[in-house]
């Protein structure tokens, strides 16, 4: 991240990759394959008459998980960039359309947040997996509306996402743009009220 010193050159920029996260994912997949290989050996030894069917089921699941992992992690080693200057906001994330909007095009920025939880149907019901968190940046003007949604932790690191939202708010104030941010405190209060 870099921020210039003068008004003309002032710039917020995040340029990063998710190579470390990708490597951790690879290690996790290797551990899974190793565990399933040991399970397969145990199945062949313990129930040789049903081993073929069990092996087909086990390795179908493993190949499915590995395939989903490869699909989800594509682009993690490539550079992604979020830049804010006095003229524009620019977002470039692998496997997504390039995005750029000029400050002069819009009057307000609204930030919304949504969550998805991965779920797989089974005979016992749904098995819930990881939670995915998305932030949608909505730029609106009198005759203008554009939006960009990014996934926290995948498109940008969680720590970078926090910096991005703070920078957007600061720049919006400097540019006299209306800023409707995600209400972190209000959500915490709502969760606390539900517990009480």
N, C-alpha and C. Protein backbone atom coordinates (compact mmCIF):
# COMPACT_ATOMS: atom_id res chain seq x y z
N UNK A 1 0.86 -1.19 0.00
CA UNK A 1 0.00 0.00 0.00
C UNK A 1 0.89 1.23 0.00
N UNK A 2 0.53 2.20 -0.82
CA UNK A 2 1.31 3.43 -0.84
C UNK A 2 0.37 4.63 -0.89
N UNK A 3 0.73 5.68 -0.18
CA UNK A 3 -0.05 6.91 -0.19
C UNK A 3 0.91 8.06 -0.44
N UNK A 4 0.66 8.83 -1.50
CA UNK A 4 1.52 9.95 -1.85
C UNK A 4 1.39 11.08 -0.84
N UNK A 5 2.26 12.08 -0.98
CA UNK A 5 2.30 13.14 0.02
C UNK A 5 1.59 14.42 -0.40
N UNK A 6 1.53 14.71 -1.71
CA UNK A 6 0.88 15.95 -2.14
C UNK A 6 -0.50 15.66 -2.67
N UNK A 7 -1.34 16.72 -2.77
CA UNK A 7 -2.70 16.55 -3.26
C UNK A 7 -2.74 16.04 -4.70
N UNK A 8 -1.75 16.47 -5.53
CA UNK A 8 -1.74 16.04 -6.92
C UNK A 8 -1.40 14.57 -7.05
N UNK A 9 -0.48 14.10 -6.21
CA UNK A 9 0.01 12.72 -6.35
C UNK A 9 -0.60 11.77 -5.34
N UNK A 10 -1.48 12.28 -4.50
CA UNK A 10 -2.03 11.46 -3.43
C UNK A 10 -2.68 10.21 -3.99
N UNK A 11 -2.30 9.06 -3.46
CA UNK A 11 -2.78 7.80 -4.02
C UNK A 11 -2.76 6.72 -2.96
N UNK A 12 -3.87 5.99 -2.91
CA UNK A 12 -3.95 4.80 -2.07
C UNK A 12 -3.88 3.61 -3.02
N UNK A 13 -3.02 2.67 -2.71
CA UNK A 13 -2.88 1.53 -3.60
C UNK A 13 -2.54 0.27 -2.83
N UNK A 14 -3.24 -0.81 -3.16
CA UNK A 14 -2.91 -2.13 -2.64
C UNK A 14 -2.60 -3.02 -3.84
N UNK A 15 -1.42 -3.60 -3.84
CA UNK A 15 -1.02 -4.56 -4.87
C UNK A 15 -0.54 -5.79 -4.13
N UNK A 16 -1.20 -6.91 -4.36
CA UNK A 16 -0.87 -8.12 -3.60
C UNK A 16 -1.23 -9.38 -4.37
N UNK A 17 -0.70 -10.48 -3.89
CA UNK A 17 -1.12 -11.81 -4.37
C UNK A 17 -1.53 -12.61 -3.14
N UNK A 18 -2.12 -13.77 -3.37
CA UNK A 18 -2.51 -14.66 -2.27
C UNK A 18 -1.71 -15.96 -2.36
N UNK A 19 -0.40 -15.82 -2.67
CA UNK A 19 0.45 -17.01 -2.85
C UNK A 19 0.56 -17.82 -1.57
N UNK A 20 0.68 -17.14 -0.44
CA UNK A 20 0.80 -17.86 0.85
C UNK A 20 -0.45 -18.68 1.12
N UNK A 21 -1.63 -18.08 0.88
CA UNK A 21 -2.89 -18.79 1.08
C UNK A 21 -2.99 -19.99 0.11
N UNK A 22 -2.50 -19.78 -1.12
CA UNK A 22 -2.52 -20.86 -2.11
C UNK A 22 -1.65 -22.03 -1.65
N UNK A 23 -0.44 -21.70 -1.14
CA UNK A 23 0.46 -22.75 -0.66
C UNK A 23 -0.15 -23.52 0.51
N UNK A 24 -0.81 -22.78 1.42
CA UNK A 24 -1.47 -23.44 2.56
C UNK A 24 -2.57 -24.38 2.07
N UNK A 25 -3.31 -23.93 1.04
CA UNK A 25 -4.35 -24.77 0.46
C UNK A 25 -3.79 -26.04 -0.16
N UNK A 26 -2.64 -25.90 -0.85
CA UNK A 26 -1.98 -27.06 -1.48
C UNK A 26 -1.57 -28.06 -0.41
N UNK A 27 -1.00 -27.55 0.68
CA UNK A 27 -0.58 -28.44 1.79
C UNK A 27 -1.80 -29.16 2.36
N UNK A 28 -2.91 -28.42 2.53
CA UNK A 28 -4.15 -29.04 3.03
C UNK A 28 -4.65 -30.14 2.11
N UNK A 29 -4.59 -29.90 0.80
CA UNK A 29 -5.02 -30.91 -0.17
C UNK A 29 -4.11 -32.14 -0.13
N UNK A 30 -2.80 -31.93 0.05
CA UNK A 30 -1.85 -33.05 0.13
C UNK A 30 -2.13 -33.90 1.37
N UNK A 31 -2.45 -33.22 2.48
CA UNK A 31 -2.78 -33.95 3.72
C UNK A 31 -4.05 -34.77 3.52
N UNK A 32 -5.06 -34.16 2.87
CA UNK A 32 -6.31 -34.87 2.60
C UNK A 32 -6.06 -36.11 1.75
N UNK A 33 -5.28 -35.96 0.68
CA UNK A 33 -5.00 -37.09 -0.21
C UNK A 33 -4.25 -38.18 0.55
N UNK A 34 -3.30 -37.79 1.39
CA UNK A 34 -2.54 -38.78 2.18
C UNK A 34 -3.47 -39.54 3.13
N UNK A 35 -4.34 -38.81 3.83
CA UNK A 35 -5.27 -39.46 4.76
C UNK A 35 -6.19 -40.43 4.02
N UNK A 36 -6.71 -39.99 2.87
CA UNK A 36 -7.60 -40.85 2.09
C UNK A 36 -6.87 -42.07 1.53
N UNK A 37 -5.57 -41.91 1.22
CA UNK A 37 -4.77 -43.06 0.77
C UNK A 37 -4.63 -44.08 1.89
N UNK A 38 -4.41 -43.59 3.12
CA UNK A 38 -4.30 -44.50 4.27
C UNK A 38 -5.64 -45.20 4.55
N UNK A 39 -6.74 -44.42 4.42
CA UNK A 39 -8.08 -45.01 4.60
C UNK A 39 -8.31 -46.08 3.54
N UNK A 40 -7.89 -45.82 2.32
CA UNK A 40 -8.08 -46.79 1.23
C UNK A 40 -7.33 -48.09 1.51
N UNK A 41 -6.11 -47.96 2.01
CA UNK A 41 -5.33 -49.15 2.36
C UNK A 41 -6.05 -49.95 3.44
N UNK A 42 -6.56 -49.24 4.45
CA UNK A 42 -7.30 -49.90 5.52
C UNK A 42 -8.55 -50.61 5.01
N UNK A 43 -9.26 -49.97 4.07
CA UNK A 43 -10.47 -50.57 3.50
C UNK A 43 -10.13 -51.85 2.75
N UNK A 44 -9.06 -51.83 1.97
CA UNK A 44 -8.64 -53.02 1.19
C UNK A 44 -8.27 -54.17 2.13
N UNK A 45 -7.62 -53.84 3.25
CA UNK A 45 -7.20 -54.89 4.20
C UNK A 45 -8.39 -55.43 4.99
N UNK A 46 -9.27 -54.51 5.48
CA UNK A 46 -10.35 -54.90 6.38
C UNK A 46 -11.56 -55.49 5.66
N UNK A 47 -11.96 -54.93 4.54
CA UNK A 47 -13.14 -55.44 3.82
C UNK A 47 -12.82 -55.61 2.33
N UNK A 48 -11.98 -56.61 2.01
CA UNK A 48 -11.55 -56.78 0.63
C UNK A 48 -12.70 -57.07 -0.35
N UNK A 49 -13.77 -57.72 0.13
CA UNK A 49 -14.88 -58.04 -0.77
C UNK A 49 -15.70 -56.81 -1.18
N UNK A 50 -15.66 -55.73 -0.37
CA UNK A 50 -16.39 -54.50 -0.71
C UNK A 50 -15.45 -53.33 -1.00
N UNK A 51 -14.18 -53.64 -1.15
CA UNK A 51 -13.16 -52.61 -1.29
C UNK A 51 -13.34 -51.79 -2.56
N UNK A 52 -13.69 -52.43 -3.67
CA UNK A 52 -13.80 -51.72 -4.94
C UNK A 52 -14.85 -50.60 -4.87
N UNK A 53 -16.02 -50.95 -4.35
CA UNK A 53 -17.10 -49.96 -4.23
C UNK A 53 -16.69 -48.83 -3.28
N UNK A 54 -16.08 -49.20 -2.15
CA UNK A 54 -15.66 -48.19 -1.17
C UNK A 54 -14.59 -47.27 -1.76
N UNK A 55 -13.67 -47.84 -2.52
CA UNK A 55 -12.61 -47.03 -3.13
C UNK A 55 -13.17 -46.06 -4.17
N UNK A 56 -14.15 -46.53 -4.93
CA UNK A 56 -14.79 -45.66 -5.93
C UNK A 56 -15.45 -44.46 -5.24
N UNK A 57 -16.17 -44.73 -4.14
CA UNK A 57 -16.84 -43.66 -3.39
C UNK A 57 -15.82 -42.69 -2.79
N UNK A 58 -14.80 -43.26 -2.12
CA UNK A 58 -13.78 -42.43 -1.45
C UNK A 58 -13.09 -41.50 -2.44
N UNK A 59 -12.62 -42.08 -3.57
CA UNK A 59 -11.82 -41.28 -4.49
C UNK A 59 -12.68 -40.37 -5.37
N UNK A 60 -13.94 -40.69 -5.51
CA UNK A 60 -14.85 -39.75 -6.19
C UNK A 60 -15.00 -38.48 -5.36
N UNK A 61 -15.15 -38.68 -4.04
CA UNK A 61 -15.27 -37.54 -3.13
C UNK A 61 -13.97 -36.72 -3.13
N UNK A 62 -12.82 -37.42 -3.06
CA UNK A 62 -11.52 -36.74 -3.03
C UNK A 62 -11.32 -35.93 -4.31
N UNK A 63 -11.59 -36.55 -5.46
CA UNK A 63 -11.42 -35.85 -6.73
C UNK A 63 -12.36 -34.64 -6.83
N UNK A 64 -13.59 -34.79 -6.30
CA UNK A 64 -14.53 -33.67 -6.29
C UNK A 64 -14.02 -32.51 -5.45
N UNK A 65 -13.49 -32.83 -4.26
CA UNK A 65 -12.96 -31.79 -3.37
C UNK A 65 -11.75 -31.11 -4.00
N UNK A 66 -10.86 -31.90 -4.58
CA UNK A 66 -9.66 -31.33 -5.22
C UNK A 66 -10.07 -30.44 -6.41
N UNK A 67 -11.06 -30.90 -7.19
CA UNK A 67 -11.54 -30.10 -8.32
C UNK A 67 -12.12 -28.77 -7.87
N UNK A 68 -12.94 -28.79 -6.80
CA UNK A 68 -13.50 -27.55 -6.26
C UNK A 68 -12.40 -26.63 -5.74
N UNK A 69 -11.39 -27.23 -5.09
CA UNK A 69 -10.26 -26.46 -4.57
C UNK A 69 -9.53 -25.75 -5.71
N UNK A 70 -9.24 -26.49 -6.79
CA UNK A 70 -8.53 -25.91 -7.93
C UNK A 70 -9.35 -24.77 -8.54
N UNK A 71 -10.66 -24.98 -8.67
CA UNK A 71 -11.52 -23.95 -9.24
C UNK A 71 -11.55 -22.70 -8.35
N UNK A 72 -11.72 -22.91 -7.05
CA UNK A 72 -11.83 -21.79 -6.12
C UNK A 72 -10.52 -21.01 -6.01
N UNK A 73 -9.39 -21.73 -6.03
CA UNK A 73 -8.09 -21.10 -5.79
C UNK A 73 -7.44 -20.54 -7.06
N UNK A 74 -8.11 -20.67 -8.21
CA UNK A 74 -7.50 -20.15 -9.44
C UNK A 74 -7.29 -18.65 -9.33
N UNK A 75 -6.16 -18.20 -9.75
CA UNK A 75 -5.85 -16.78 -9.70
C UNK A 75 -5.24 -16.31 -8.40
N UNK A 76 -5.11 -17.19 -7.40
CA UNK A 76 -4.55 -16.76 -6.11
C UNK A 76 -3.11 -16.28 -6.24
N UNK A 77 -2.35 -16.85 -7.18
CA UNK A 77 -0.93 -16.47 -7.31
C UNK A 77 -0.75 -15.26 -8.22
N UNK A 78 -1.86 -14.75 -8.80
CA UNK A 78 -1.76 -13.59 -9.69
C UNK A 78 -1.97 -12.30 -8.91
N UNK A 79 -1.43 -11.23 -9.44
CA UNK A 79 -1.51 -9.92 -8.77
C UNK A 79 -2.92 -9.34 -8.89
N UNK A 80 -3.41 -8.81 -7.77
CA UNK A 80 -4.67 -8.04 -7.76
C UNK A 80 -4.34 -6.65 -7.24
N UNK A 81 -5.11 -5.65 -7.70
CA UNK A 81 -4.78 -4.27 -7.40
C UNK A 81 -6.03 -3.45 -7.11
N UNK A 82 -5.95 -2.62 -6.09
CA UNK A 82 -7.01 -1.65 -5.76
C UNK A 82 -6.33 -0.30 -5.61
N UNK A 83 -6.73 0.67 -6.43
CA UNK A 83 -6.10 1.99 -6.38
C UNK A 83 -7.15 3.08 -6.29
N UNK A 84 -6.85 4.10 -5.48
CA UNK A 84 -7.69 5.29 -5.39
C UNK A 84 -6.77 6.48 -5.60
N UNK A 85 -7.11 7.32 -6.59
CA UNK A 85 -6.37 8.56 -6.82
C UNK A 85 -7.37 9.72 -6.72
N UNK A 86 -6.90 10.91 -6.96
CA UNK A 86 -7.79 12.08 -6.94
C UNK A 86 -8.75 12.09 -8.13
N UNK A 87 -8.45 11.29 -9.16
CA UNK A 87 -9.29 11.27 -10.35
C UNK A 87 -10.22 10.05 -10.42
N UNK A 88 -9.78 8.90 -9.93
CA UNK A 88 -10.55 7.68 -10.16
C UNK A 88 -10.32 6.62 -9.08
N UNK A 89 -11.17 5.58 -9.16
CA UNK A 89 -11.02 4.36 -8.36
C UNK A 89 -10.85 3.22 -9.36
N UNK A 90 -9.85 2.40 -9.14
CA UNK A 90 -9.52 1.35 -10.11
C UNK A 90 -9.36 0.01 -9.38
N UNK A 91 -9.99 -1.04 -9.94
CA UNK A 91 -9.93 -2.37 -9.32
C UNK A 91 -9.60 -3.39 -10.41
N UNK A 92 -8.56 -4.18 -10.17
CA UNK A 92 -8.16 -5.20 -11.13
C UNK A 92 -7.88 -6.50 -10.38
N UNK A 93 -8.80 -7.46 -10.52
CA UNK A 93 -8.71 -8.75 -9.84
C UNK A 93 -8.71 -9.85 -10.89
N UNK A 94 -7.82 -10.85 -10.76
CA UNK A 94 -7.79 -11.94 -11.74
C UNK A 94 -9.16 -12.61 -11.90
N UNK A 95 -9.50 -12.98 -13.14
CA UNK A 95 -10.75 -13.67 -13.48
C UNK A 95 -12.00 -12.82 -13.28
N UNK A 96 -11.81 -11.50 -13.13
CA UNK A 96 -12.96 -10.60 -13.03
C UNK A 96 -12.74 -9.44 -14.01
N UNK A 97 -13.83 -8.84 -14.50
CA UNK A 97 -13.67 -7.70 -15.41
C UNK A 97 -12.95 -6.53 -14.72
N UNK A 98 -12.07 -5.87 -15.48
CA UNK A 98 -11.38 -4.67 -14.98
C UNK A 98 -12.43 -3.60 -14.67
N UNK A 99 -12.23 -2.86 -13.57
CA UNK A 99 -13.21 -1.86 -13.15
C UNK A 99 -12.52 -0.52 -12.89
N UNK A 100 -13.13 0.53 -13.42
CA UNK A 100 -12.63 1.89 -13.14
C UNK A 100 -13.80 2.85 -13.15
N UNK A 101 -13.84 3.73 -12.16
CA UNK A 101 -14.88 4.74 -12.09
C UNK A 101 -14.23 6.08 -11.70
N UNK A 102 -14.64 7.15 -12.36
CA UNK A 102 -14.10 8.47 -12.06
C UNK A 102 -14.91 9.13 -10.94
N UNK A 103 -14.24 9.89 -10.09
CA UNK A 103 -14.93 10.59 -9.00
C UNK A 103 -15.99 11.55 -9.53
N UNK A 104 -15.75 12.10 -10.70
CA UNK A 104 -16.69 13.07 -11.27
C UNK A 104 -17.98 12.42 -11.76
N UNK A 105 -18.00 11.08 -11.86
CA UNK A 105 -19.18 10.37 -12.40
C UNK A 105 -20.29 10.15 -11.37
N UNK A 106 -19.94 10.15 -10.09
CA UNK A 106 -20.93 9.78 -9.08
C UNK A 106 -20.96 10.75 -7.91
N UNK A 107 -22.07 10.66 -7.15
CA UNK A 107 -22.26 11.54 -5.98
C UNK A 107 -22.17 10.80 -4.65
N UNK A 108 -22.37 9.48 -4.69
CA UNK A 108 -22.36 8.72 -3.43
C UNK A 108 -21.78 7.33 -3.61
N UNK A 109 -21.23 6.82 -2.51
CA UNK A 109 -20.73 5.44 -2.44
C UNK A 109 -21.51 4.73 -1.35
N UNK A 110 -22.07 3.60 -1.70
CA UNK A 110 -22.74 2.77 -0.69
C UNK A 110 -22.04 1.41 -0.63
N UNK A 111 -21.81 0.95 0.60
CA UNK A 111 -21.14 -0.34 0.77
C UNK A 111 -22.10 -1.29 1.46
N UNK A 112 -22.37 -2.41 0.81
CA UNK A 112 -23.23 -3.43 1.41
C UNK A 112 -22.42 -4.71 1.60
N UNK A 113 -22.88 -5.52 2.51
CA UNK A 113 -22.18 -6.76 2.85
C UNK A 113 -23.17 -7.91 2.81
N UNK A 114 -22.75 -9.03 2.25
CA UNK A 114 -23.59 -10.23 2.27
C UNK A 114 -22.72 -11.45 2.55
N UNK A 115 -23.37 -12.49 3.06
CA UNK A 115 -22.67 -13.73 3.39
C UNK A 115 -23.34 -14.90 2.69
N UNK A 116 -22.53 -15.83 2.23
CA UNK A 116 -23.01 -17.10 1.70
C UNK A 116 -22.34 -18.21 2.47
N UNK A 117 -23.08 -19.24 2.78
CA UNK A 117 -22.49 -20.40 3.43
C UNK A 117 -22.61 -21.58 2.49
N UNK A 118 -21.48 -22.21 2.19
CA UNK A 118 -21.49 -23.37 1.29
C UNK A 118 -22.24 -24.50 1.97
N UNK A 119 -23.10 -25.18 1.21
CA UNK A 119 -23.87 -26.30 1.76
C UNK A 119 -23.96 -27.41 0.73
N UNK A 120 -23.79 -28.64 1.20
CA UNK A 120 -23.88 -29.81 0.32
C UNK A 120 -25.01 -30.70 0.82
N UNK A 121 -25.97 -31.07 -0.07
CA UNK A 121 -27.07 -31.95 0.36
C UNK A 121 -26.60 -33.39 0.55
N UNK A 122 -27.05 -34.02 1.61
CA UNK A 122 -26.77 -35.44 1.86
C UNK A 122 -28.07 -36.12 2.27
N UNK A 123 -28.02 -37.43 2.45
CA UNK A 123 -29.21 -38.16 2.89
C UNK A 123 -29.64 -37.75 4.30
N UNK A 124 -28.70 -37.23 5.08
CA UNK A 124 -28.98 -36.80 6.45
C UNK A 124 -29.43 -35.34 6.54
N UNK A 125 -29.40 -34.65 5.40
CA UNK A 125 -29.73 -33.22 5.39
C UNK A 125 -28.60 -32.44 4.76
N UNK A 126 -28.48 -31.17 5.11
CA UNK A 126 -27.42 -30.32 4.55
C UNK A 126 -26.18 -30.34 5.43
N UNK A 127 -25.02 -30.44 4.78
CA UNK A 127 -23.75 -30.28 5.49
C UNK A 127 -23.24 -28.88 5.13
N UNK A 128 -23.04 -28.05 6.14
CA UNK A 128 -22.61 -26.68 5.90
C UNK A 128 -21.10 -26.59 5.89
N UNK A 129 -20.58 -25.85 4.93
CA UNK A 129 -19.14 -25.68 4.77
C UNK A 129 -18.71 -24.28 5.16
N UNK A 130 -17.67 -23.78 4.49
CA UNK A 130 -17.13 -22.46 4.85
C UNK A 130 -18.07 -21.31 4.51
N UNK A 131 -17.86 -20.18 5.20
CA UNK A 131 -18.67 -18.98 4.96
C UNK A 131 -17.90 -18.05 4.03
N UNK A 132 -18.59 -17.51 3.04
CA UNK A 132 -17.99 -16.56 2.11
C UNK A 132 -18.60 -15.18 2.36
N UNK A 133 -17.76 -14.15 2.44
CA UNK A 133 -18.21 -12.80 2.74
C UNK A 133 -17.90 -11.89 1.54
N UNK A 134 -18.93 -11.17 1.07
CA UNK A 134 -18.80 -10.32 -0.11
C UNK A 134 -19.13 -8.87 0.26
N UNK A 135 -18.39 -7.94 -0.34
CA UNK A 135 -18.65 -6.51 -0.17
C UNK A 135 -18.96 -5.91 -1.53
N UNK A 136 -20.08 -5.21 -1.62
CA UNK A 136 -20.50 -4.59 -2.87
C UNK A 136 -20.32 -3.08 -2.76
N UNK A 137 -19.54 -2.52 -3.69
CA UNK A 137 -19.32 -1.07 -3.73
C UNK A 137 -20.25 -0.51 -4.80
N UNK A 138 -21.18 0.35 -4.39
CA UNK A 138 -22.18 0.89 -5.31
C UNK A 138 -21.93 2.39 -5.48
N UNK A 139 -21.64 2.79 -6.71
CA UNK A 139 -21.35 4.19 -7.03
C UNK A 139 -22.56 4.77 -7.78
N UNK A 140 -23.18 5.81 -7.21
CA UNK A 140 -24.42 6.35 -7.78
C UNK A 140 -24.32 7.85 -8.01
N UNK A 141 -24.93 8.27 -9.13
CA UNK A 141 -25.05 9.69 -9.45
C UNK A 141 -26.43 9.97 -10.02
N UNK A 142 -26.67 11.17 -10.51
CA UNK A 142 -27.98 11.53 -11.05
C UNK A 142 -28.38 10.61 -12.20
N UNK A 143 -27.48 10.39 -13.14
CA UNK A 143 -27.75 9.50 -14.27
C UNK A 143 -26.68 8.42 -14.37
N UNK A 144 -26.21 7.97 -13.21
CA UNK A 144 -25.07 7.03 -13.21
C UNK A 144 -25.21 6.03 -12.08
N UNK A 145 -24.93 4.78 -12.38
CA UNK A 145 -24.88 3.76 -11.32
C UNK A 145 -23.99 2.62 -11.77
N UNK A 146 -22.96 2.35 -10.99
CA UNK A 146 -22.06 1.23 -11.25
C UNK A 146 -21.75 0.57 -9.93
N UNK A 147 -21.48 -0.73 -9.98
CA UNK A 147 -21.13 -1.43 -8.74
C UNK A 147 -20.04 -2.45 -9.00
N UNK A 148 -19.36 -2.79 -7.93
CA UNK A 148 -18.31 -3.81 -8.00
C UNK A 148 -18.37 -4.62 -6.71
N UNK A 149 -18.45 -5.93 -6.84
CA UNK A 149 -18.49 -6.80 -5.66
C UNK A 149 -17.20 -7.62 -5.59
N UNK A 150 -16.60 -7.63 -4.40
CA UNK A 150 -15.41 -8.46 -4.21
C UNK A 150 -15.57 -9.35 -2.99
N UNK A 151 -14.89 -10.48 -3.05
CA UNK A 151 -14.96 -11.44 -1.95
C UNK A 151 -13.81 -11.21 -0.99
N UNK A 152 -14.14 -11.00 0.27
CA UNK A 152 -13.13 -10.78 1.29
C UNK A 152 -12.38 -12.07 1.55
N UNK A 153 -11.05 -12.01 1.50
CA UNK A 153 -10.24 -13.19 1.73
C UNK A 153 -9.85 -13.92 0.47
N UNK A 154 -10.56 -13.65 -0.64
CA UNK A 154 -10.22 -14.28 -1.91
C UNK A 154 -9.75 -13.26 -2.93
N UNK A 155 -10.56 -12.23 -3.16
CA UNK A 155 -10.17 -11.20 -4.11
C UNK A 155 -9.13 -10.27 -3.48
N UNK A 156 -9.32 -9.97 -2.20
CA UNK A 156 -8.33 -9.22 -1.43
C UNK A 156 -8.26 -9.83 -0.03
N UNK A 157 -7.09 -9.74 0.58
CA UNK A 157 -6.92 -10.24 1.94
C UNK A 157 -7.87 -9.50 2.88
N UNK A 158 -8.21 -10.14 3.99
CA UNK A 158 -9.12 -9.52 4.97
C UNK A 158 -8.52 -8.21 5.49
N UNK A 159 -7.22 -8.20 5.77
CA UNK A 159 -6.58 -6.98 6.27
C UNK A 159 -6.61 -5.88 5.21
N UNK A 160 -6.47 -6.25 3.94
CA UNK A 160 -6.52 -5.27 2.85
C UNK A 160 -7.93 -4.74 2.67
N UNK A 161 -8.93 -5.62 2.83
CA UNK A 161 -10.33 -5.19 2.70
C UNK A 161 -10.65 -4.09 3.71
N UNK A 162 -10.17 -4.24 4.93
CA UNK A 162 -10.41 -3.22 5.94
C UNK A 162 -9.78 -1.89 5.54
N UNK A 163 -8.55 -1.94 5.01
CA UNK A 163 -7.87 -0.71 4.57
C UNK A 163 -8.62 -0.07 3.40
N UNK A 164 -9.13 -0.90 2.50
CA UNK A 164 -9.86 -0.39 1.33
C UNK A 164 -11.10 0.38 1.77
N UNK A 165 -11.87 -0.19 2.69
CA UNK A 165 -13.10 0.46 3.13
C UNK A 165 -12.82 1.76 3.88
N UNK A 166 -11.75 1.77 4.68
CA UNK A 166 -11.37 2.99 5.40
C UNK A 166 -10.94 4.07 4.40
N UNK A 167 -10.13 3.68 3.41
CA UNK A 167 -9.66 4.63 2.40
C UNK A 167 -10.81 5.20 1.59
N UNK A 168 -11.76 4.35 1.21
CA UNK A 168 -12.93 4.83 0.45
C UNK A 168 -13.70 5.89 1.24
N UNK A 169 -13.86 5.65 2.52
CA UNK A 169 -14.59 6.61 3.37
C UNK A 169 -13.82 7.93 3.46
N UNK A 170 -12.50 7.85 3.66
CA UNK A 170 -11.69 9.07 3.78
C UNK A 170 -11.72 9.89 2.49
N UNK A 171 -11.55 9.20 1.37
CA UNK A 171 -11.56 9.91 0.09
C UNK A 171 -12.95 10.51 -0.19
N UNK A 172 -14.01 9.76 0.14
CA UNK A 172 -15.36 10.26 -0.09
C UNK A 172 -15.59 11.56 0.68
N UNK A 173 -15.10 11.62 1.91
CA UNK A 173 -15.25 12.86 2.72
C UNK A 173 -14.48 14.01 2.07
N UNK A 174 -13.25 13.72 1.61
CA UNK A 174 -12.43 14.75 0.98
C UNK A 174 -13.08 15.27 -0.31
N UNK A 175 -13.75 14.37 -1.02
CA UNK A 175 -14.36 14.72 -2.31
C UNK A 175 -15.81 15.21 -2.15
N UNK A 176 -16.27 15.30 -0.90
CA UNK A 176 -17.65 15.71 -0.61
C UNK A 176 -18.68 14.79 -1.27
N UNK A 177 -18.39 13.51 -1.21
CA UNK A 177 -19.32 12.50 -1.72
C UNK A 177 -20.05 11.87 -0.54
N UNK A 178 -21.30 11.53 -0.74
CA UNK A 178 -22.06 10.86 0.31
C UNK A 178 -21.52 9.45 0.48
N UNK A 179 -21.26 9.06 1.71
CA UNK A 179 -20.71 7.73 1.98
C UNK A 179 -21.67 6.97 2.90
N UNK A 180 -22.19 5.86 2.39
CA UNK A 180 -23.09 5.01 3.19
C UNK A 180 -22.34 3.71 3.41
N UNK A 181 -21.68 3.63 4.55
CA UNK A 181 -20.83 2.47 4.81
C UNK A 181 -21.55 1.36 5.51
N UNK A 182 -20.87 0.22 5.54
CA UNK A 182 -21.40 -0.93 6.27
C UNK A 182 -21.35 -0.60 7.75
N UNK A 183 -22.47 -0.74 8.44
CA UNK A 183 -22.58 -0.30 9.84
C UNK A 183 -22.08 -1.41 10.79
N UNK A 184 -20.75 -1.42 11.01
CA UNK A 184 -20.15 -2.45 11.86
C UNK A 184 -20.70 -2.39 13.29
N UNK A 185 -20.75 -1.18 13.86
CA UNK A 185 -21.21 -1.04 15.25
C UNK A 185 -22.66 -1.46 15.39
N UNK A 186 -23.48 -1.08 14.42
CA UNK A 186 -24.90 -1.43 14.48
C UNK A 186 -25.10 -2.94 14.43
N UNK A 187 -24.29 -3.62 13.61
CA UNK A 187 -24.43 -5.07 13.53
C UNK A 187 -24.03 -5.72 14.85
N UNK A 188 -22.96 -5.22 15.46
CA UNK A 188 -22.54 -5.76 16.76
C UNK A 188 -23.62 -5.55 17.81
N UNK A 189 -24.24 -4.36 17.79
CA UNK A 189 -25.31 -4.06 18.75
C UNK A 189 -26.51 -5.00 18.53
N UNK A 190 -26.84 -5.26 17.26
CA UNK A 190 -27.97 -6.14 16.94
C UNK A 190 -27.69 -7.55 17.43
N UNK A 191 -26.44 -8.02 17.23
CA UNK A 191 -26.10 -9.37 17.70
C UNK A 191 -26.18 -9.45 19.22
N UNK A 192 -25.71 -8.40 19.89
CA UNK A 192 -25.74 -8.37 21.36
C UNK A 192 -27.18 -8.36 21.87
N UNK A 193 -28.05 -7.60 21.18
CA UNK A 193 -29.46 -7.53 21.58
C UNK A 193 -30.13 -8.87 21.44
N UNK A 194 -29.78 -9.63 20.41
CA UNK A 194 -30.38 -10.96 20.21
C UNK A 194 -29.96 -11.92 21.32
N UNK A 195 -28.71 -11.78 21.80
CA UNK A 195 -28.23 -12.67 22.87
C UNK A 195 -28.91 -12.36 24.19
N UNK A 196 -29.23 -11.07 24.44
CA UNK A 196 -29.82 -10.66 25.74
C UNK A 196 -31.29 -11.03 25.87
